[in-house]
Amino acid sequence: MVSTRIIDSEPALILDGDKKNLVISDLHIGFEHKFSSNKNTIGKNSSINEIISNIKKIIKRENPDTLILLGDVKSSIQNITKTEWRDIPYFFEEIKNSLEVILIPGNHDANIERLIPNDVTLISSRGMIIGDVLLTHGHTMPSENYSNVNNIIMGHIHPVYFDKNSLLNGERIWISIKTEKSEIFSSTKGKINITIVPSFNPYFYATEKRYYKKSISPIVEKIKDAAIAKIVTLDGTIIGNESILGDLI
């Protein structure tokens, strides 16, 4: 039996089973390279040390056994940038000594095996199962072999709430969805719960709607018109339900 708990005011959750697992997604380490190539100025190590510090604070508070990264540790898609060569090994060296680290690669993580230490576990991009939970990045459809799960935890979407008349405009959000399992696994009946994890990187998401570009997920495309949903901010403020889902994902 496993249980999940969103950590208050953090873009992270705890998945408790045989082990206590800390789950985060979408670090996009090295995203500064894109800004520097566009002649924008951004400080050296401007986000990596903040990301490491935030993760360490959560680890100290929650004392998990394992850190599960739901993909997009890198920011570039195919290449490895100079910033990624420097910052990604540094990130893992800073984190891995305090707990086991597992990486489920996302669509930005090509060649990441060249950047991670031997004692970090890199698994298939198809994801991993803990109890009745499938953990995956979210950029591919789950295999029918996983149809016994009742829950999916995924990243990839970087969900953000936009309402220029709201104080919550530009806030990262959690999206919890319940839908028919057959929407994901065509031959299986019953209900399935899907949790979309917000981006952990405090800078790699759009804070204005005009800059927001939706990440396409085949999972989301299957369910967004046939689901019950709850949308909450990091601090737990409920801001909507399935009626606004199409605007968010």
Protein backbone atom coordinates (compact mmCIF):
# COMPACT_ATOMS: atom_id res chain seq x y z
CA MET A 1 0.00 0.00 0.00
CA VAL A 2 1.38 3.40 -0.99
CA SER A 3 0.25 6.91 -0.14
CA THR A 4 1.01 10.31 -1.65
CA ARG A 5 1.28 13.68 0.05
CA ILE A 6 1.95 17.03 -1.59
CA ILE A 7 4.50 18.92 0.49
CA ASP A 8 3.03 22.22 1.66
CA SER A 9 4.25 25.24 -0.34
CA GLU A 10 6.68 23.13 -2.38
CA PRO A 11 6.58 21.76 -5.96
CA ALA A 12 7.31 18.30 -4.54
CA LEU A 13 5.48 15.32 -3.13
CA ILE A 14 6.14 12.34 -0.90
CA LEU A 15 5.30 8.84 -2.12
CA ASP A 16 5.32 6.51 0.86
CA GLY A 17 5.62 2.77 0.30
CA ASP A 18 8.33 0.35 1.35
CA LYS A 19 10.53 3.44 1.16
CA LYS A 20 9.84 7.13 1.62
CA ASN A 21 10.30 8.73 -1.80
CA LEU A 22 10.66 12.43 -2.56
CA VAL A 23 9.35 13.16 -6.08
CA ILE A 24 10.17 16.28 -8.12
CA SER A 25 10.18 17.14 -11.81
CA ASP A 26 11.53 19.47 -14.47
CA LEU A 27 14.71 20.97 -13.02
CA HIS A 28 15.85 22.19 -16.46
CA ILE A 29 19.38 22.74 -15.23
CA GLY A 30 21.32 24.91 -17.67
CA PHE A 31 18.34 26.83 -19.00
CA GLU A 32 20.39 30.04 -18.58
CA HIS A 33 22.29 29.11 -21.74
CA LYS A 34 19.22 29.96 -23.80
CA PHE A 35 19.07 33.42 -22.28
CA SER A 36 22.78 34.12 -22.74
CA SER A 37 22.57 33.05 -26.38
CA ASN A 38 19.79 35.62 -26.80
CA LYS A 39 22.10 38.29 -25.37
CA ASN A 40 20.21 38.48 -22.10
CA THR A 41 22.33 38.65 -18.98
CA ILE A 42 21.83 36.14 -16.21
CA GLY A 43 24.25 35.45 -13.38
CA LYS A 44 26.56 32.44 -13.25
CA ASN A 45 25.03 29.56 -11.26
CA SER A 46 21.96 31.77 -10.86
CA SER A 47 19.54 28.88 -10.43
CA ILE A 48 21.58 25.74 -9.75
CA ASN A 49 22.61 26.68 -6.21
CA GLU A 50 19.07 27.76 -5.38
CA ILE A 51 17.69 24.45 -6.70
CA ILE A 52 20.23 22.46 -4.67
CA SER A 53 19.52 24.49 -1.54
CA ASN A 54 15.76 24.03 -1.89
CA ILE A 55 16.08 20.27 -2.38
CA LYS A 56 18.41 19.95 0.60
CA LYS A 57 15.94 21.85 2.80
CA ILE A 58 13.16 19.45 1.82
CA ILE A 59 15.42 16.43 2.38
CA LYS A 60 16.35 17.71 5.84
CA ARG A 61 12.71 18.29 6.74
CA GLU A 62 11.22 15.11 5.26
CA ASN A 63 14.15 12.68 5.61
CA PRO A 64 13.28 10.57 2.52
CA ASP A 65 15.11 7.41 1.52
CA THR A 66 15.02 8.14 -2.20
CA LEU A 67 14.82 11.12 -4.54
CA ILE A 68 12.91 10.35 -7.75
CA LEU A 69 13.43 12.82 -10.58
CA LEU A 70 10.60 12.74 -13.13
CA GLY A 71 12.73 13.91 -16.02
CA ASP A 72 14.01 17.02 -17.76
CA VAL A 73 17.00 17.43 -15.50
CA LYS A 74 18.65 18.96 -18.57
CA SER A 75 17.27 21.96 -20.38
CA SER A 76 18.64 21.48 -23.90
CA ILE A 77 16.95 18.71 -25.87
CA GLN A 78 19.61 17.05 -28.02
CA ASN A 79 22.95 18.67 -27.24
CA ILE A 80 24.79 19.13 -23.96
CA THR A 81 25.63 22.78 -23.36
CA LYS A 82 28.68 24.09 -21.55
CA THR A 83 26.46 25.09 -18.63
CA GLU A 84 25.00 21.57 -18.41
CA TRP A 85 28.46 19.97 -18.50
CA ARG A 86 29.35 22.08 -15.48
CA ASP A 87 26.13 22.19 -13.47
CA ILE A 88 24.51 18.75 -13.82
CA PRO A 89 27.44 16.70 -12.43
CA TYR A 90 27.76 19.34 -9.69
CA PHE A 91 24.06 18.97 -8.86
CA PHE A 92 24.25 15.19 -8.50
CA GLU A 93 27.45 15.32 -6.43
CA GLU A 94 25.76 17.74 -4.03
CA ILE A 95 22.59 15.65 -3.65
CA LYS A 96 23.46 11.97 -3.97
CA ASN A 97 25.41 11.49 -0.75
CA SER A 98 22.35 11.96 1.45
CA LEU A 99 19.98 9.51 -0.26
CA GLU A 100 19.42 7.20 -3.22
CA VAL A 101 18.72 9.07 -6.48
CA ILE A 102 16.65 7.67 -9.36
CA LEU A 103 16.20 9.47 -12.68
CA ILE A 104 13.35 8.77 -15.10
CA PRO A 105 14.51 10.62 -18.24
CA GLY A 106 12.31 13.14 -20.03
CA ASN A 107 12.35 14.50 -23.55
CA HIS A 108 15.11 16.99 -22.66
CA ASP A 109 17.43 14.34 -21.21
CA ALA A 110 19.17 12.99 -24.33
CA ASN A 111 22.72 11.84 -23.51
CA ILE A 112 22.28 12.60 -19.82
CA GLU A 113 24.02 9.32 -18.99
CA ARG A 114 27.24 11.18 -19.83
CA LEU A 115 26.59 13.63 -17.00
CA ILE A 116 25.46 11.49 -14.07
CA PRO A 117 27.59 9.58 -11.53
CA ASN A 118 27.60 5.79 -11.52
CA ASP A 119 25.70 5.65 -8.24
CA VAL A 120 22.70 7.52 -9.65
CA THR A 121 20.14 5.07 -11.07
CA LEU A 122 19.01 5.89 -14.61
CA ILE A 123 15.96 3.88 -15.65
CA SER A 124 13.84 3.60 -18.78
CA SER A 125 11.89 6.63 -19.98
CA ARG A 126 8.80 4.38 -19.81
CA GLY A 127 8.82 5.02 -16.07
CA MET A 128 8.69 2.94 -12.92
CA ILE A 129 5.97 1.46 -10.74
CA ILE A 130 5.75 1.71 -6.96
CA GLY A 131 2.72 -0.14 -5.64
CA ASP A 132 -0.18 0.93 -7.85
CA VAL A 133 1.53 4.17 -8.95
CA LEU A 134 3.23 4.77 -12.30
CA LEU A 135 5.90 7.48 -12.17
CA THR A 136 6.75 8.89 -15.59
CA HIS A 137 7.84 12.13 -17.22
CA GLY A 138 4.67 12.36 -19.26
CA HIS A 139 5.90 12.87 -22.82
CA THR A 140 5.00 9.34 -23.95
CA MET A 141 1.97 7.08 -23.58
CA PRO A 142 2.28 4.41 -20.89
CA SER A 143 2.53 0.82 -22.05
CA GLU A 144 -0.55 -1.40 -21.72
CA ASN A 145 1.72 -3.51 -19.50
CA TYR A 146 1.16 -0.86 -16.83
CA SER A 147 -2.63 -1.07 -16.96
CA ASN A 148 -2.82 -2.46 -13.42
CA VAL A 149 -1.90 0.93 -11.92
CA ASN A 150 -4.53 3.20 -10.39
CA ASN A 151 -2.41 6.35 -10.24
CA ILE A 152 -0.02 8.19 -12.54
CA ILE A 153 2.39 10.87 -11.31
CA MET A 154 3.94 12.91 -14.12
CA GLY A 155 5.70 16.18 -14.94
CA HIS A 156 6.43 17.67 -18.37
CA ILE A 157 3.52 20.15 -18.44
CA HIS A 158 4.90 22.95 -16.16
CA PRO A 159 1.34 23.97 -15.23
CA VAL A 160 0.77 27.64 -14.39
CA TYR A 161 -2.40 29.57 -13.55
CA PHE A 162 -3.14 32.68 -15.60
CA ASP A 163 -5.72 35.31 -14.68
CA LYS A 164 -4.52 38.89 -14.94
CA ASN A 165 -7.23 39.95 -12.49
CA SER A 166 -6.08 37.51 -9.80
CA LEU A 167 -3.32 37.80 -7.22
CA LEU A 168 -2.49 34.20 -8.14
CA ASN A 169 -1.69 35.08 -11.75
CA GLY A 170 1.52 33.37 -12.85
CA GLU A 171 1.59 30.90 -9.93
CA ARG A 172 2.77 27.33 -10.38
CA ILE A 173 -0.03 24.84 -9.76
CA TRP A 174 -0.78 21.22 -9.03
CA ILE A 175 -3.33 19.49 -11.23
CA SER A 176 -5.10 16.39 -9.88
CA ILE A 177 -7.29 14.52 -12.34
CA LYS A 178 -9.65 11.56 -12.11
CA THR A 179 -10.80 9.88 -15.31
CA GLU A 180 -11.74 6.53 -16.82
CA LYS A 181 -8.81 4.17 -16.96
CA SER A 182 -9.86 3.18 -20.48
CA GLU A 183 -8.85 6.68 -21.65
CA ILE A 184 -5.24 5.65 -20.99
CA PHE A 185 -5.37 1.86 -21.17
CA SER A 186 -7.97 0.96 -23.78
CA SER A 187 -8.72 -2.55 -22.55
CA THR A 188 -9.03 -1.73 -18.84
CA LYS A 189 -12.05 -0.59 -16.84
CA GLY A 190 -12.18 1.49 -13.66
CA LYS A 191 -10.91 4.90 -12.60
CA ILE A 192 -7.41 6.32 -12.62
CA ASN A 193 -5.94 9.33 -10.80
CA ILE A 194 -3.34 11.50 -12.49
CA THR A 195 -1.19 14.05 -10.67
CA ILE A 196 0.69 16.65 -12.71
CA VAL A 197 3.71 17.92 -10.78
CA PRO A 198 4.74 21.58 -11.26
CA SER A 199 8.21 22.54 -12.43
CA PHE A 200 10.71 22.50 -9.55
CA ASN A 201 12.90 25.13 -11.19
CA PRO A 202 11.65 28.45 -9.75
CA TYR A 203 12.48 30.27 -13.00
CA PHE A 204 11.73 27.82 -15.80
CA TYR A 205 8.05 28.48 -16.32
CA ALA A 206 6.06 31.31 -17.86
CA THR A 207 4.71 33.93 -15.47
CA GLU A 208 2.79 35.70 -18.22
CA LYS A 209 0.28 34.01 -20.52
CA ARG A 210 1.74 35.58 -23.67
CA TYR A 211 5.00 33.69 -23.02
CA TYR A 212 3.34 30.38 -22.12
CA LYS A 213 3.79 27.49 -24.52
CA LYS A 214 1.92 24.32 -23.64
CA SER A 215 3.97 21.12 -23.49
CA ILE A 216 2.17 18.44 -25.45
CA SER A 217 1.56 15.19 -23.58
CA PRO A 218 -0.25 12.23 -25.18
CA ILE A 219 -1.60 11.37 -21.73
CA VAL A 220 -3.15 14.81 -21.31
CA GLU A 221 -4.51 14.84 -24.85
CA LYS A 222 -6.39 11.62 -24.09
CA ILE A 223 -8.02 12.81 -20.87
CA LYS A 224 -8.47 16.58 -20.78
CA ASP A 225 -12.01 16.51 -22.17
CA ALA A 226 -13.22 13.58 -20.06
CA ALA A 227 -11.99 14.18 -16.55
CA ILE A 228 -12.78 15.51 -13.10
CA ALA A 229 -10.03 17.82 -11.87
CA LYS A 230 -8.85 19.92 -8.96
CA ILE A 231 -6.33 22.71 -9.46
CA VAL A 232 -4.44 24.13 -6.47
CA THR A 233 -1.49 26.46 -5.93
CA LEU A 234 1.67 25.38 -4.13
CA ASP A 235 0.26 26.67 -0.84
CA GLY A 236 -2.95 24.66 -1.30
CA THR A 237 -5.32 27.38 -2.49
CA ILE A 238 -8.02 25.77 -4.65
CA ILE A 239 -8.42 27.83 -7.80
CA GLY A 240 -10.54 25.69 -10.09
CA ASN A 241 -11.80 22.40 -11.43
CA GLU A 242 -12.16 20.65 -14.77
CA SER A 243 -14.00 23.66 -16.23
CA ILE A 244 -10.66 25.49 -16.64
CA LEU A 245 -8.56 22.43 -17.44
CA GLY A 246 -8.42 23.13 -21.17
CA ASP A 247 -6.88 26.56 -20.54
CA LEU A 248 -4.12 25.06 -18.40
CA ILE A 249 -3.07 21.91 -20.24
